Amino acid sequence: MGLTELEKSEFINDGFIVVRSAFDPSHPKISAWIKGVWERCELNPDEPESWPGRVHLPSDDTVAFKDVAPEAYEKVMSILEANSYLFTFC
């Protein structure tokens, strides 16, 4: 699934789009990452007032973007393909 007309317009006007369904939290890899982040940071997901502004964690596992976020991957590819002329200047 590529970009909808609304998403195309939003990208042109705002420079980004929001893909609310990008990640499925029930995906085994995603759910393990979510659990691992809370454990590694020693934070409680039910106490957002105690969270620091930003946390940087080293990667201890990787997976292909298109495997865990296929809808978002397709949208990114649509943007890149539609704007491939930008890369001719690099």
Protein backbone atom coordinates (compact mmCIF):
# COMPACT_ATOMS: atom_id res chain seq x y z
CA MET A 1 0.00 0.00 0.00
CA GLY A 2 1.47 3.31 -1.05
CA LEU A 3 0.55 6.79 0.05
CA THR A 4 -3.01 8.05 0.08
CA GLU A 5 -3.73 11.40 -1.54
CA LEU A 6 -4.05 12.94 1.94
CA GLU A 7 -0.66 11.53 2.98
CA LYS A 8 0.94 12.89 -0.20
CA SER A 9 -0.48 16.32 0.57
CA GLU A 10 0.65 16.13 4.20
CA PHE A 11 4.16 15.13 3.16
CA ILE A 12 4.40 17.98 0.65
CA ASN A 13 3.03 20.54 3.13
CA ASP A 14 4.54 19.27 6.40
CA GLY A 15 7.58 17.24 5.34
CA PHE A 16 6.40 14.14 7.18
CA ILE A 17 3.45 11.79 7.60
CA VAL A 18 2.20 9.90 10.63
CA VAL A 19 1.64 6.16 10.21
CA ARG A 20 -0.35 5.30 13.33
CA SER A 21 -0.48 1.60 12.55
CA ALA A 22 3.23 1.37 11.72
CA PHE A 23 4.14 -1.19 14.36
CA ASP A 24 2.02 -4.02 15.68
CA PRO A 25 2.82 -4.26 19.42
CA SER A 26 1.75 -7.91 19.39
CA HIS A 27 4.48 -8.82 16.87
CA PRO A 28 6.87 -11.09 18.81
CA LYS A 29 9.96 -9.00 18.02
CA ILE A 30 8.26 -5.68 18.83
CA SER A 31 6.72 -6.92 22.09
CA ALA A 32 10.12 -8.27 23.18
CA TRP A 33 11.77 -4.93 22.37
CA ILE A 34 9.10 -2.98 24.29
CA LYS A 35 9.50 -5.23 27.33
CA GLY A 36 13.29 -5.02 27.08
CA VAL A 37 13.29 -1.22 26.96
CA TRP A 38 11.29 -0.95 30.17
CA GLU A 39 13.56 -3.46 31.88
CA ARG A 40 16.84 -1.97 30.63
CA CYS A 41 15.80 1.54 31.61
CA GLU A 42 14.35 0.38 34.92
CA LEU A 43 11.20 2.39 34.19
CA ASN A 44 7.53 1.64 34.73
CA PRO A 45 5.27 1.96 31.67
CA ASP A 46 2.41 2.93 33.97
CA GLU A 47 4.25 5.93 35.49
CA PRO A 48 4.94 8.34 32.60
CA GLU A 49 5.58 11.20 35.01
CA SER A 50 8.77 9.40 36.09
CA TRP A 51 10.17 8.94 32.57
CA PRO A 52 13.26 10.91 31.54
CA GLY A 53 12.99 13.16 28.51
CA ARG A 54 15.02 10.89 26.26
CA VAL A 55 16.83 7.59 26.60
CA HIS A 56 19.59 6.31 24.32
CA LEU A 57 20.03 2.56 24.26
CA PRO A 58 22.57 0.64 22.23
CA SER A 59 21.11 -1.84 19.81
CA ASP A 60 21.38 -5.42 20.94
CA ASP A 61 19.19 -6.89 18.23
CA THR A 62 18.16 -5.93 14.72
CA VAL A 63 15.43 -6.86 12.29
CA ALA A 64 14.49 -5.58 8.85
CA PHE A 65 12.18 -2.55 8.97
CA LYS A 66 9.93 -4.06 6.28
CA ASP A 67 9.44 -7.20 8.40
CA VAL A 68 8.05 -5.46 11.48
CA ALA A 69 6.45 -2.38 9.89
CA PRO A 70 5.38 -3.34 6.37
CA GLU A 71 2.82 -0.54 5.98
CA ALA A 72 5.28 2.15 7.09
CA TYR A 73 7.99 0.58 4.90
CA GLU A 74 5.75 0.79 1.83
CA LYS A 75 4.97 4.44 2.55
CA VAL A 76 8.65 5.30 2.96
CA MET A 77 9.44 3.54 -0.30
CA SER A 78 6.64 5.46 -2.04
CA ILE A 79 8.15 8.74 -0.85
CA LEU A 80 11.66 7.75 -1.90
CA GLU A 81 10.54 6.52 -5.32
CA ALA A 82 8.44 9.62 -5.96
CA ASN A 83 11.37 11.84 -5.01
CA SER A 84 14.21 9.81 -6.50
CA TYR A 85 15.36 12.87 -8.45
CA LEU A 86 16.61 14.28 -5.13
CA PHE A 87 19.28 11.62 -4.95
CA THR A 88 20.79 12.55 -8.29
CA PHE A 89 22.33 15.61 -6.62
CA CYS A 90 24.11 13.64 -3.88
